[in-house]
Amino acid sequence: MPMEWEEFLDPYIQAVGELKIKLRGIRKQFRKQNRHSPIEFVTGRVKPIESIQEKMKLRAIKEENLAQDMQDIAGLRVMVQFVDDVEEVLELLRSRTDMQVVHERDYITYMKDSGYRSYHVVVEYPVETIKGRKVVLAEIQIRTLAMNFWATIEHSLNYKYRGEFPEEIKKRLEITAKIAQQLDEEMGKIRDDIQEAQLLFDPQSRKLSDGVGNSDDADEFYR
C-alpha cells in the first residue's frame, strides 16, 4: 500500500507551526521585560518528501519505522547571538512540560571534522488531531549567526559537489570554520557591552517587535 504522505506529514506541519509560535513567545517575554533574549529568531520547516525518501534510501529506513528512525522530519532552528545563549535556550527547553527532550548532540563542544558547529536537540512533542493525540519527534538546532552563516555556505557547496569537495574548497572551509569560531569567541568577550548598546539603541523595538516583516521565516532550511 503506497505511503499516504499528506496524512503522515500533517502532524509534523502542525508541530512546527506550534513550536515556532511558542519559541517566538519566549523571545517576546524577554524583550517585554527589557531583558536580553537568548533567542534572536526562529525558523522552521517540514522536510520535503523527496528529501525524506532520499534519506530513507541512504539509511535503509523502512516506512513502518520512519516516525522513530528519522528525527528531523520536523525541524526548527533557533538563532542566538552568543555561544553562552545556547545553554540558556537548552535550559528553557529542558524545563518545559509541553515537550520532552529525548536526545542531544553537541557539535559546538565537539565540532565536526568538516567544521560544522551547532547544538541539536530532539524533542517529543504532542499534537492534538481530530483522531486524537499524536506524539511526533522534532529536531531543534541551536546556533549562533556565525555558525549559521558557515553551515549555510557549506550546505550549498555540499549540494553542488555532492560531498566530494575539491581540496582547495575543503581547505577554505576549514579556515573559515576557525574564523567563525574566533568571531563567536571575540563577541562573547564583549557580550555585556553589546547587549547594553542594543537596548540603548532601540529598546522599544527589541522589547515589542516580532521581527522586521517576516524575517523569522526568511531563512527556512532544508538540511
N, C-alpha and C. Protein backbone atom coordinates (compact mmCIF):
# COMPACT_ATOMS: atom_id res chain seq x y z
N MET A 1 0.86 -1.20 0.00
CA MET A 1 0.00 0.00 0.00
C MET A 1 0.90 1.25 0.00
N PRO A 2 0.68 2.16 -0.94
CA PRO A 2 1.55 3.35 -1.03
C PRO A 2 1.41 4.25 0.20
N MET A 3 2.49 4.95 0.49
CA MET A 3 2.53 5.85 1.64
C MET A 3 1.58 7.03 1.42
N GLU A 4 0.73 7.31 2.42
CA GLU A 4 -0.14 8.48 2.37
C GLU A 4 0.62 9.65 2.98
N TRP A 5 1.40 10.33 2.15
CA TRP A 5 2.31 11.34 2.65
C TRP A 5 1.62 12.51 3.31
N GLU A 6 0.52 13.00 2.73
CA GLU A 6 -0.16 14.15 3.30
C GLU A 6 -0.66 13.85 4.71
N GLU A 7 -1.28 12.69 4.88
CA GLU A 7 -1.78 12.30 6.19
C GLU A 7 -0.64 12.10 7.18
N PHE A 8 0.46 11.53 6.71
CA PHE A 8 1.62 11.28 7.58
C PHE A 8 2.27 12.57 8.04
N LEU A 9 2.38 13.54 7.12
CA LEU A 9 3.12 14.77 7.43
C LEU A 9 2.30 15.83 8.15
N ASP A 10 0.98 15.74 8.10
CA ASP A 10 0.14 16.76 8.74
C ASP A 10 0.50 17.02 10.21
N PRO A 11 0.70 15.99 11.05
CA PRO A 11 1.07 16.26 12.45
C PRO A 11 2.41 16.98 12.58
N TYR A 12 3.33 16.72 11.65
CA TYR A 12 4.63 17.39 11.68
C TYR A 12 4.47 18.87 11.31
N ILE A 13 3.61 19.14 10.33
CA ILE A 13 3.34 20.53 9.95
C ILE A 13 2.74 21.28 11.13
N GLN A 14 1.82 20.62 11.82
CA GLN A 14 1.19 21.24 12.99
C GLN A 14 2.22 21.48 14.09
N ALA A 15 3.09 20.50 14.32
CA ALA A 15 4.11 20.62 15.37
C ALA A 15 5.04 21.78 15.10
N VAL A 16 5.51 21.92 13.85
CA VAL A 16 6.42 23.02 13.51
C VAL A 16 5.73 24.36 13.73
N GLY A 17 4.48 24.48 13.31
CA GLY A 17 3.75 25.72 13.48
C GLY A 17 3.60 26.10 14.95
N GLU A 18 3.24 25.12 15.78
CA GLU A 18 3.04 25.39 17.21
C GLU A 18 4.35 25.71 17.90
N LEU A 19 5.40 24.98 17.56
CA LEU A 19 6.70 25.20 18.21
C LEU A 19 7.28 26.56 17.84
N LYS A 20 7.10 26.99 16.60
CA LYS A 20 7.57 28.32 16.21
C LYS A 20 6.87 29.40 17.03
N ILE A 21 5.57 29.27 17.20
CA ILE A 21 4.81 30.25 17.99
C ILE A 21 5.30 30.27 19.43
N LYS A 22 5.54 29.10 20.01
CA LYS A 22 5.95 29.02 21.41
C LYS A 22 7.36 29.56 21.62
N LEU A 23 8.27 29.24 20.72
CA LEU A 23 9.64 29.71 20.86
C LEU A 23 9.73 31.22 20.63
N ARG A 24 8.95 31.73 19.69
CA ARG A 24 8.93 33.18 19.47
C ARG A 24 8.27 33.88 20.66
N GLY A 25 7.33 33.18 21.32
CA GLY A 25 6.70 33.72 22.51
C GLY A 25 7.69 33.92 23.64
N ILE A 26 8.65 33.00 23.75
CA ILE A 26 9.70 33.14 24.77
C ILE A 26 10.48 34.42 24.52
N ARG A 27 10.83 34.65 23.26
CA ARG A 27 11.59 35.86 22.91
C ARG A 27 10.81 37.11 23.28
N LYS A 28 9.53 37.12 22.96
CA LYS A 28 8.70 38.28 23.26
C LYS A 28 8.68 38.57 24.76
N GLN A 29 8.58 37.51 25.57
CA GLN A 29 8.51 37.70 27.01
C GLN A 29 9.78 38.34 27.55
N PHE A 30 10.93 37.91 27.07
CA PHE A 30 12.20 38.51 27.49
C PHE A 30 12.24 39.98 27.11
N ARG A 31 11.88 40.28 25.89
CA ARG A 31 12.01 41.65 25.39
C ARG A 31 11.03 42.60 26.05
N LYS A 32 9.83 42.11 26.39
CA LYS A 32 8.87 42.96 27.07
C LYS A 32 9.33 43.32 28.48
N GLN A 33 10.19 42.47 29.03
CA GLN A 33 10.77 42.75 30.36
C GLN A 33 12.08 43.51 30.25
N ASN A 34 12.40 43.97 29.03
CA ASN A 34 13.64 44.71 28.79
C ASN A 34 14.88 43.89 29.16
N ARG A 35 14.80 42.59 28.88
CA ARG A 35 15.92 41.68 29.15
C ARG A 35 16.44 41.12 27.84
N HIS A 36 17.71 40.75 27.86
CA HIS A 36 18.29 40.12 26.68
C HIS A 36 17.62 38.78 26.43
N SER A 37 17.10 38.59 25.23
CA SER A 37 16.51 37.30 24.87
C SER A 37 17.58 36.39 24.31
N PRO A 38 17.69 35.16 24.85
CA PRO A 38 18.66 34.23 24.28
C PRO A 38 18.27 33.80 22.87
N ILE A 39 17.01 33.99 22.52
CA ILE A 39 16.53 33.64 21.19
C ILE A 39 16.48 34.89 20.32
N GLU A 40 17.24 34.89 19.23
CA GLU A 40 17.26 36.03 18.31
C GLU A 40 16.13 35.90 17.29
N PHE A 41 16.03 34.75 16.63
CA PHE A 41 14.87 34.48 15.79
C PHE A 41 14.75 32.97 15.58
N VAL A 42 13.60 32.57 15.05
CA VAL A 42 13.27 31.15 14.90
C VAL A 42 12.77 30.89 13.49
N THR A 43 13.24 29.83 12.88
CA THR A 43 12.70 29.37 11.60
C THR A 43 12.32 27.90 11.74
N GLY A 44 11.55 27.41 10.79
CA GLY A 44 11.15 26.02 10.85
C GLY A 44 10.69 25.51 9.51
N ARG A 45 10.69 24.20 9.37
CA ARG A 45 10.23 23.58 8.14
C ARG A 45 9.91 22.11 8.39
N VAL A 46 9.11 21.54 7.49
CA VAL A 46 8.93 20.09 7.44
C VAL A 46 9.73 19.59 6.25
N LYS A 47 10.51 18.56 6.45
CA LYS A 47 11.39 18.06 5.38
C LYS A 47 10.57 17.68 4.16
N PRO A 48 10.96 18.12 2.97
CA PRO A 48 10.24 17.77 1.74
C PRO A 48 10.22 16.26 1.53
N ILE A 49 9.17 15.78 0.89
CA ILE A 49 9.00 14.34 0.67
C ILE A 49 10.21 13.75 -0.06
N GLU A 50 10.71 14.47 -1.07
CA GLU A 50 11.85 13.95 -1.84
C GLU A 50 13.07 13.76 -0.94
N SER A 51 13.29 14.70 -0.01
CA SER A 51 14.42 14.60 0.91
C SER A 51 14.23 13.44 1.88
N ILE A 52 12.99 13.24 2.32
CA ILE A 52 12.71 12.10 3.21
C ILE A 52 13.00 10.80 2.50
N GLN A 53 12.53 10.66 1.28
CA GLN A 53 12.73 9.43 0.51
C GLN A 53 14.20 9.17 0.25
N GLU A 54 14.94 10.23 -0.05
CA GLU A 54 16.37 10.10 -0.30
C GLU A 54 17.10 9.62 0.95
N LYS A 55 16.73 10.19 2.11
CA LYS A 55 17.36 9.80 3.36
C LYS A 55 16.95 8.38 3.76
N MET A 56 15.71 8.01 3.49
CA MET A 56 15.26 6.63 3.77
C MET A 56 16.10 5.63 2.99
N LYS A 57 16.36 5.95 1.75
CA LYS A 57 17.16 5.06 0.90
C LYS A 57 18.60 5.01 1.38
N LEU A 58 19.15 6.17 1.72
CA LEU A 58 20.54 6.25 2.16
C LEU A 58 20.77 5.47 3.45
N ARG A 59 19.80 5.57 4.39
CA ARG A 59 19.96 4.95 5.70
C ARG A 59 19.15 3.67 5.88
N ALA A 60 18.59 3.17 4.78
CA ALA A 60 17.81 1.92 4.80
C ALA A 60 16.72 1.95 5.86
N ILE A 61 15.96 3.05 5.88
CA ILE A 61 14.85 3.19 6.83
C ILE A 61 13.56 2.71 6.19
N LYS A 62 12.87 1.82 6.87
CA LYS A 62 11.60 1.30 6.36
C LYS A 62 10.45 2.24 6.71
N GLU A 63 9.41 2.22 5.89
CA GLU A 63 8.26 3.11 6.11
C GLU A 63 7.67 2.94 7.50
N GLU A 64 7.57 1.70 7.97
CA GLU A 64 6.95 1.45 9.27
C GLU A 64 7.79 1.98 10.43
N ASN A 65 9.08 2.24 10.17
CA ASN A 65 9.97 2.76 11.22
C ASN A 65 10.29 4.24 11.04
N LEU A 66 9.70 4.86 10.03
CA LEU A 66 10.08 6.22 9.66
C LEU A 66 9.89 7.22 10.79
N ALA A 67 8.77 7.16 11.49
CA ALA A 67 8.46 8.14 12.53
C ALA A 67 9.48 8.13 13.66
N GLN A 68 10.06 6.97 13.93
CA GLN A 68 11.04 6.87 15.02
C GLN A 68 12.48 7.01 14.54
N ASP A 69 12.76 6.52 13.35
CA ASP A 69 14.15 6.47 12.89
C ASP A 69 14.62 7.75 12.20
N MET A 70 13.69 8.60 11.75
CA MET A 70 14.08 9.87 11.15
C MET A 70 13.61 10.99 12.08
N GLN A 71 14.57 11.59 12.78
CA GLN A 71 14.23 12.51 13.86
C GLN A 71 14.09 13.97 13.42
N ASP A 72 14.38 14.25 12.16
CA ASP A 72 14.37 15.65 11.72
C ASP A 72 13.34 15.92 10.63
N ILE A 73 12.28 15.13 10.58
CA ILE A 73 11.20 15.42 9.62
C ILE A 73 10.62 16.80 9.95
N ALA A 74 10.38 17.02 11.23
CA ALA A 74 10.02 18.37 11.71
C ALA A 74 11.31 19.01 12.21
N GLY A 75 11.63 20.16 11.67
CA GLY A 75 12.88 20.81 12.05
C GLY A 75 12.70 22.28 12.35
N LEU A 76 13.34 22.71 13.44
CA LEU A 76 13.33 24.13 13.79
C LEU A 76 14.76 24.58 14.02
N ARG A 77 14.99 25.86 13.76
CA ARG A 77 16.31 26.42 14.00
C ARG A 77 16.16 27.65 14.88
N VAL A 78 16.85 27.64 16.00
CA VAL A 78 16.84 28.76 16.93
C VAL A 78 18.17 29.49 16.80
N MET A 79 18.11 30.74 16.37
CA MET A 79 19.32 31.53 16.21
C MET A 79 19.57 32.34 17.47
N VAL A 80 20.82 32.35 17.91
CA VAL A 80 21.22 33.12 19.09
C VAL A 80 22.38 34.04 18.71
N GLN A 81 22.61 35.06 19.53
CA GLN A 81 23.72 35.98 19.24
C GLN A 81 25.05 35.47 19.77
N PHE A 82 25.02 34.83 20.94
CA PHE A 82 26.26 34.45 21.62
C PHE A 82 26.25 32.96 21.97
N VAL A 83 27.43 32.38 22.01
CA VAL A 83 27.54 30.96 22.34
C VAL A 83 26.93 30.68 23.72
N ASP A 84 27.12 31.59 24.66
CA ASP A 84 26.55 31.40 26.00
C ASP A 84 25.03 31.31 25.98
N ASP A 85 24.41 31.91 24.97
CA ASP A 85 22.95 31.86 24.86
C ASP A 85 22.45 30.45 24.57
N VAL A 86 23.30 29.63 23.97
CA VAL A 86 22.90 28.26 23.63
C VAL A 86 22.48 27.51 24.89
N GLU A 87 23.28 27.60 25.94
CA GLU A 87 22.97 26.90 27.18
C GLU A 87 21.68 27.42 27.79
N GLU A 88 21.43 28.71 27.68
CA GLU A 88 20.19 29.26 28.23
C GLU A 88 18.98 28.73 27.48
N VAL A 89 19.08 28.64 26.17
CA VAL A 89 17.99 28.06 25.38
C VAL A 89 17.78 26.60 25.76
N LEU A 90 18.88 25.88 25.95
CA LEU A 90 18.78 24.48 26.35
C LEU A 90 18.05 24.31 27.67
N GLU A 91 18.37 25.16 28.63
CA GLU A 91 17.70 25.08 29.93
C GLU A 91 16.21 25.37 29.79
N LEU A 92 15.86 26.31 28.93
CA LEU A 92 14.45 26.62 28.69
C LEU A 92 13.73 25.41 28.10
N LEU A 93 14.37 24.74 27.15
CA LEU A 93 13.75 23.57 26.51
C LEU A 93 13.63 22.41 27.49
N ARG A 94 14.68 22.18 28.26
CA ARG A 94 14.66 21.06 29.20
C ARG A 94 13.62 21.22 30.30
N SER A 95 13.29 22.46 30.62
CA SER A 95 12.38 22.73 31.74
C SER A 95 10.91 22.75 31.32
N ARG A 96 10.64 22.71 30.02
CA ARG A 96 9.25 22.81 29.56
C ARG A 96 8.49 21.49 29.81
N THR A 97 7.19 21.64 30.07
CA THR A 97 6.34 20.47 30.31
C THR A 97 5.52 20.08 29.09
N ASP A 98 5.56 20.93 28.04
CA ASP A 98 4.79 20.63 26.83
C ASP A 98 5.60 19.89 25.78
N MET A 99 6.83 19.54 26.11
CA MET A 99 7.68 18.74 25.24
C MET A 99 8.70 18.00 26.10
N GLN A 100 9.27 16.96 25.54
CA GLN A 100 10.25 16.16 26.29
C GLN A 100 11.52 16.01 25.47
N VAL A 101 12.63 16.49 26.01
CA VAL A 101 13.91 16.31 25.33
C VAL A 101 14.33 14.84 25.43
N VAL A 102 14.57 14.22 24.29
CA VAL A 102 14.92 12.80 24.29
C VAL A 102 16.34 12.53 23.78
N HIS A 103 16.93 13.54 23.13
CA HIS A 103 18.30 13.32 22.63
C HIS A 103 18.97 14.66 22.39
N GLU A 104 20.27 14.72 22.66
CA GLU A 104 21.05 15.94 22.42
C GLU A 104 22.36 15.58 21.72
N ARG A 105 22.75 16.44 20.78
CA ARG A 105 24.04 16.27 20.10
C ARG A 105 24.77 17.61 20.14
N ASP A 106 25.91 17.61 20.78
CA ASP A 106 26.67 18.85 20.96
C ASP A 106 27.79 18.93 19.93
N TYR A 107 27.51 19.63 18.82
CA TYR A 107 28.52 19.83 17.79
C TYR A 107 29.23 21.17 17.95
N ILE A 108 29.01 21.82 19.11
CA ILE A 108 29.74 23.05 19.40
C ILE A 108 31.01 22.71 20.18
N THR A 109 30.83 21.97 21.28
CA THR A 109 31.99 21.49 22.03
C THR A 109 32.79 20.49 21.21
N TYR A 110 32.07 19.65 20.48
CA TYR A 110 32.70 18.61 19.67
C TYR A 110 32.40 18.89 18.20
N MET A 111 33.09 19.88 17.66
CA MET A 111 32.89 20.30 16.28
C MET A 111 33.15 19.14 15.33
N LYS A 112 32.33 19.03 14.28
CA LYS A 112 32.55 18.00 13.27
C LYS A 112 33.85 18.26 12.51
N ASP A 113 34.41 17.22 11.94
CA ASP A 113 35.66 17.35 11.18
C ASP A 113 35.52 18.39 10.07
N SER A 114 34.32 18.51 9.53
CA SER A 114 34.08 19.46 8.43
C SER A 114 34.17 20.90 8.88
N GLY A 115 34.01 21.14 10.20
CA GLY A 115 33.97 22.50 10.73
C GLY A 115 32.57 22.89 11.20
N TYR A 116 31.62 22.01 10.97
CA TYR A 116 30.21 22.28 11.34
C TYR A 116 30.05 22.38 12.84
N ARG A 117 29.38 23.46 13.28
CA ARG A 117 29.07 23.65 14.71
C ARG A 117 27.59 23.97 14.87
N SER A 118 26.97 23.33 15.80
CA SER A 118 25.57 23.58 16.11
C SER A 118 25.21 22.67 17.28
N TYR A 119 24.12 22.96 17.98
CA TYR A 119 23.65 22.09 19.05
C TYR A 119 22.28 21.56 18.62
N HIS A 120 22.15 20.24 18.55
CA HIS A 120 20.91 19.63 18.09
C HIS A 120 20.17 19.00 19.28
N VAL A 121 18.91 19.30 19.38
CA VAL A 121 18.06 18.73 20.42
C VAL A 121 16.87 18.06 19.73
N VAL A 122 16.61 16.81 20.08
CA VAL A 122 15.43 16.12 19.58
C VAL A 122 14.40 16.07 20.70
N VAL A 123 13.19 16.52 20.40
CA VAL A 123 12.13 16.53 21.40
C VAL A 123 10.95 15.70 20.93
N GLU A 124 10.25 15.13 21.89
CA GLU A 124 8.94 14.54 21.62
C GLU A 124 7.90 15.62 21.88
N TYR A 125 7.05 15.85 20.90
CA TYR A 125 6.07 16.92 21.03
C TYR A 125 4.68 16.39 20.67
N PRO A 126 3.71 16.51 21.56
CA PRO A 126 2.36 16.01 21.29
C PRO A 126 1.52 17.03 20.53
N VAL A 127 0.85 16.58 19.49
CA VAL A 127 -0.10 17.43 18.78
C VAL A 127 -1.49 16.82 18.89
N GLU A 128 -2.49 17.67 18.99
CA GLU A 128 -3.87 17.21 19.07
C GLU A 128 -4.49 17.24 17.68
N THR A 129 -4.91 16.08 17.20
CA THR A 129 -5.55 15.98 15.89
C THR A 129 -7.00 15.52 16.08
N ILE A 130 -7.76 15.51 15.00
CA ILE A 130 -9.15 15.06 15.09
C ILE A 130 -9.22 13.56 15.40
N LYS A 131 -8.11 12.87 15.22
CA LYS A 131 -8.05 11.44 15.54
C LYS A 131 -7.43 11.20 16.92
N GLY A 132 -7.18 12.29 17.65
CA GLY A 132 -6.59 12.15 18.98
C GLY A 132 -5.18 12.68 19.04
N ARG A 133 -4.52 12.44 20.16
CA ARG A 133 -3.17 12.94 20.36
C ARG A 133 -2.15 12.08 19.62
N LYS A 134 -1.19 12.75 18.98
CA LYS A 134 -0.09 12.06 18.31
C LYS A 134 1.21 12.72 18.73
N VAL A 135 2.15 11.92 19.18
CA VAL A 135 3.45 12.44 19.59
C VAL A 135 4.43 12.28 18.43
N VAL A 136 5.03 13.39 18.04
CA VAL A 136 6.00 13.36 16.94
C VAL A 136 7.36 13.82 17.44
N LEU A 137 8.39 13.42 16.72
CA LEU A 137 9.74 13.88 17.02
C LEU A 137 10.04 15.14 16.21
N ALA A 138 10.72 16.07 16.84
CA ALA A 138 11.14 17.30 16.14
C ALA A 138 12.57 17.60 16.55
N GLU A 139 13.37 18.02 15.58
CA GLU A 139 14.76 18.40 15.87
C GLU A 139 14.86 19.92 15.92
N ILE A 140 15.45 20.41 17.01
CA ILE A 140 15.67 21.85 17.18
C ILE A 140 17.17 22.10 17.14
N GLN A 141 17.61 22.86 16.14
CA GLN A 141 19.02 23.21 16.02
C GLN A 141 19.23 24.59 16.64
N ILE A 142 20.22 24.71 17.50
CA ILE A 142 20.52 25.98 18.15
C ILE A 142 21.92 26.40 17.70
N ARG A 143 22.03 27.58 17.15
CA ARG A 143 23.35 28.02 16.65
C ARG A 143 23.44 29.54 16.62
N THR A 144 24.65 30.02 16.65
CA THR A 144 24.88 31.47 16.52
C THR A 144 24.78 31.87 15.06
N LEU A 145 24.74 33.18 14.84
CA LEU A 145 24.69 33.69 13.47
C LEU A 145 25.93 33.29 12.68
N ALA A 146 27.08 33.29 13.35
CA ALA A 146 28.33 32.90 12.68
C ALA A 146 28.29 31.42 12.29
N MET A 147 27.82 30.59 13.21
CA MET A 147 27.69 29.15 12.91
C MET A 147 26.75 28.94 11.73
N ASN A 148 25.66 29.68 11.72
CA ASN A 148 24.66 29.50 10.67
C ASN A 148 25.18 29.95 9.32
N PHE A 149 25.93 31.07 9.31
CA PHE A 149 26.49 31.55 8.04
C PHE A 149 27.40 30.48 7.44
N TRP A 150 28.28 29.91 8.26
CA TRP A 150 29.21 28.90 7.75
C TRP A 150 28.45 27.67 7.28
N ALA A 151 27.50 27.21 8.08
CA ALA A 151 26.76 25.98 7.75
C ALA A 151 25.94 26.13 6.48
N THR A 152 25.37 27.33 6.28
CA THR A 152 24.58 27.58 5.08
C THR A 152 25.45 27.53 3.83
N ILE A 153 26.64 28.13 3.90
CA ILE A 153 27.56 28.10 2.77
C ILE A 153 28.04 26.67 2.51
N GLU A 154 28.40 25.97 3.57
CA GLU A 154 28.88 24.59 3.43
C GLU A 154 27.80 23.70 2.83
N HIS A 155 26.55 23.91 3.25
CA HIS A 155 25.44 23.11 2.73
C HIS A 155 25.25 23.34 1.24
N SER A 156 25.35 24.60 0.82
CA SER A 156 25.21 24.92 -0.60
C SER A 156 26.31 24.27 -1.43
N LEU A 157 27.55 24.35 -0.92
CA LEU A 157 28.68 23.74 -1.63
C LEU A 157 28.56 22.22 -1.64
N ASN A 158 28.07 21.67 -0.54
CA ASN A 158 27.90 20.22 -0.45
C ASN A 158 26.89 19.74 -1.49
N TYR A 159 25.85 20.53 -1.68
CA TYR A 159 24.83 20.20 -2.69
C TYR A 159 25.46 20.21 -4.09
N LYS A 160 26.31 21.20 -4.32
CA LYS A 160 26.95 21.32 -5.64
C LYS A 160 27.92 20.18 -5.90
N TYR A 161 28.76 19.88 -4.90
CA TYR A 161 29.83 18.89 -5.10
C TYR A 161 29.47 17.49 -4.60
N ARG A 162 28.24 17.32 -4.06
CA ARG A 162 27.79 16.02 -3.56
C ARG A 162 28.76 15.43 -2.54
N GLY A 163 29.31 16.30 -1.70
CA GLY A 163 30.18 15.84 -0.61
C GLY A 163 31.62 15.63 -1.02
N GLU A 164 31.91 15.69 -2.30
CA GLU A 164 33.29 15.48 -2.78
C GLU A 164 33.91 16.83 -3.09
N PHE A 165 34.33 17.55 -2.04
CA PHE A 165 34.87 18.89 -2.22
C PHE A 165 36.26 18.85 -2.86
N PRO A 166 36.53 19.76 -3.79
CA PRO A 166 37.91 19.93 -4.26
C PRO A 166 38.79 20.31 -3.07
N GLU A 167 40.03 19.95 -3.12
CA GLU A 167 40.93 20.17 -1.99
C GLU A 167 41.01 21.64 -1.59
N GLU A 168 41.01 22.52 -2.58
CA GLU A 168 41.09 23.96 -2.31
C GLU A 168 39.86 24.42 -1.53
N ILE A 169 38.67 23.98 -1.95
CA ILE A 169 37.43 24.35 -1.26
C ILE A 169 37.43 23.79 0.16
N LYS A 170 37.88 22.56 0.30
CA LYS A 170 37.93 21.93 1.62
C LYS A 170 38.81 22.71 2.58
N LYS A 171 39.96 23.16 2.10
CA LYS A 171 40.88 23.94 2.94
C LYS A 171 40.26 25.28 3.32
N ARG A 172 39.60 25.91 2.37
CA ARG A 172 38.96 27.20 2.63
C ARG A 172 37.86 27.05 3.68
N LEU A 173 37.12 25.97 3.60
CA LEU A 173 36.05 25.74 4.58
C LEU A 173 36.63 25.52 5.98
N GLU A 174 37.74 24.82 6.04
CA GLU A 174 38.40 24.61 7.34
C GLU A 174 38.87 25.93 7.93
N ILE A 175 39.44 26.79 7.09
CA ILE A 175 39.93 28.10 7.55
C ILE A 175 38.75 28.96 8.02
N THR A 176 37.70 29.02 7.21
CA THR A 176 36.56 29.88 7.56
C THR A 176 35.81 29.35 8.78
N ALA A 177 35.82 28.04 9.00
CA ALA A 177 35.20 27.48 10.21
C ALA A 177 35.92 27.99 11.45
N LYS A 178 37.25 28.04 11.38
CA LYS A 178 38.03 28.56 12.50
C LYS A 178 37.79 30.05 12.71
N ILE A 179 37.65 30.79 11.60
CA ILE A 179 37.37 32.23 11.70
C ILE A 179 36.01 32.45 12.35
N ALA A 180 35.01 31.67 11.96
CA ALA A 180 33.68 31.79 12.54
C ALA A 180 33.72 31.49 14.04
N GLN A 181 34.51 30.50 14.42
CA GLN A 181 34.65 30.16 15.83
C GLN A 181 35.32 31.30 16.60
N GLN A 182 36.34 31.89 16.00
CA GLN A 182 37.03 33.02 16.64
C GLN A 182 36.09 34.23 16.77
N LEU A 183 35.23 34.44 15.77
CA LEU A 183 34.26 35.54 15.84
C LEU A 183 33.33 35.35 17.03
N ASP A 184 32.83 34.14 17.21
CA ASP A 184 31.97 33.86 18.36
C ASP A 184 32.69 34.10 19.68
N GLU A 185 33.94 33.68 19.73
CA GLU A 185 34.72 33.86 20.97
C GLU A 185 34.93 35.34 21.27
N GLU A 186 35.28 36.12 20.26
CA GLU A 186 35.53 37.55 20.47
C GLU A 186 34.25 38.29 20.84
N MET A 187 33.15 37.96 20.20
CA MET A 187 31.87 38.60 20.52
C MET A 187 31.45 38.26 21.95
N GLY A 188 31.78 37.05 22.38
CA GLY A 188 31.45 36.64 23.76
C GLY A 188 32.18 37.48 24.79
N LYS A 189 33.38 37.94 24.45
CA LYS A 189 34.19 38.72 25.38
C LYS A 189 33.62 40.12 25.61
N ILE A 190 32.87 40.62 24.65
CA ILE A 190 32.28 41.97 24.80
C ILE A 190 30.75 41.86 24.83
N ARG A 191 30.25 40.73 25.25
CA ARG A 191 28.80 40.48 25.26
C ARG A 191 28.04 41.54 26.05
N ASP A 192 28.51 41.86 27.24
CA ASP A 192 27.78 42.82 28.08
C ASP A 192 27.67 44.18 27.41
N ASP A 193 28.75 44.64 26.81
CA ASP A 193 28.74 45.93 26.12
C ASP A 193 27.77 45.91 24.93
N ILE A 194 27.77 44.79 24.20
CA ILE A 194 26.89 44.68 23.03
C ILE A 194 25.43 44.73 23.45
N GLN A 195 25.09 43.99 24.49
CA GLN A 195 23.70 43.94 24.95
C GLN A 195 23.24 45.31 25.46
N GLU A 196 24.12 45.98 26.18
CA GLU A 196 23.77 47.31 26.70
C GLU A 196 23.55 48.28 25.55
N ALA A 197 24.41 48.21 24.55
CA ALA A 197 24.28 49.10 23.40
C ALA A 197 23.00 48.83 22.63
N GLN A 198 22.65 47.57 22.49
CA GLN A 198 21.44 47.22 21.75
C GLN A 198 20.19 47.77 22.44
N LEU A 199 20.13 47.65 23.75
CA LEU A 199 18.98 48.16 24.49
C LEU A 199 18.91 49.68 24.44
N LEU A 200 20.08 50.35 24.48
CA LEU A 200 20.11 51.81 24.40
C LEU A 200 19.73 52.31 23.02
N PHE A 201 20.13 51.55 22.02
CA PHE A 201 19.92 51.97 20.63
C PHE A 201 18.44 51.95 20.26
N ASP A 202 17.74 50.86 20.60
CA ASP A 202 16.34 50.75 20.20
C ASP A 202 15.59 49.84 21.17
N PRO A 203 15.43 50.26 22.41
CA PRO A 203 14.83 49.39 23.43
C PRO A 203 13.40 48.99 23.12
N GLN A 204 12.58 49.89 22.58
CA GLN A 204 11.18 49.55 22.37
C GLN A 204 11.00 48.47 21.30
N SER A 205 11.76 48.58 20.20
CA SER A 205 11.59 47.59 19.14
C SER A 205 12.10 46.23 19.60
N ARG A 206 13.17 46.22 20.42
CA ARG A 206 13.69 44.93 20.87
C ARG A 206 12.77 44.31 21.92
N LYS A 207 12.01 45.14 22.62
CA LYS A 207 11.08 44.60 23.60
C LYS A 207 9.80 44.09 22.95
N LEU A 208 9.28 44.84 21.96
CA LEU A 208 7.93 44.58 21.50
C LEU A 208 7.84 44.00 20.10
N SER A 209 8.83 44.23 19.27
CA SER A 209 8.74 43.79 17.89
C SER A 209 8.82 42.28 17.77
N ASP A 210 8.11 41.74 16.78
CA ASP A 210 8.21 40.31 16.49
C ASP A 210 9.07 40.11 15.25
N GLY A 211 10.03 41.00 15.08
CA GLY A 211 10.91 40.89 13.94
C GLY A 211 10.53 41.90 12.88
N VAL A 212 11.41 42.15 11.94
CA VAL A 212 11.14 43.09 10.86
C VAL A 212 10.46 42.33 9.75
N GLY A 213 9.22 42.69 9.45
CA GLY A 213 8.48 41.96 8.42
C GLY A 213 8.33 40.51 8.80
N ASN A 214 8.70 39.64 7.87
CA ASN A 214 8.64 38.20 8.12
C ASN A 214 10.04 37.61 8.21
N SER A 215 10.95 38.34 8.87
CA SER A 215 12.35 37.91 8.91
C SER A 215 12.51 36.55 9.55
N ASP A 216 11.60 36.18 10.46
CA ASP A 216 11.71 34.87 11.10
C ASP A 216 11.62 33.75 10.07
N ASP A 217 10.89 33.99 8.99
CA ASP A 217 10.68 32.94 8.00
C ASP A 217 11.58 33.11 6.79
N ALA A 218 12.52 34.07 6.87
CA ALA A 218 13.32 34.38 5.69
C ALA A 218 14.40 33.34 5.42
N ASP A 219 14.70 32.51 6.40
CA ASP A 219 15.82 31.58 6.25
C ASP A 219 15.36 30.15 6.53
N GLU A 220 14.26 29.74 5.88
CA GLU A 220 13.81 28.36 6.05
C GLU A 220 14.91 27.44 5.54
N PHE A 221 15.06 26.28 6.19
CA PHE A 221 16.21 25.46 5.87
C PHE A 221 15.79 24.06 5.46
N TYR A 222 16.65 23.40 4.73
CA TYR A 222 16.30 22.09 4.18
C TYR A 222 17.42 21.08 4.38
N ARG A 223 18.19 21.27 5.45
CA ARG A 223 19.28 20.34 5.72
C ARG A 223 18.72 18.97 6.10
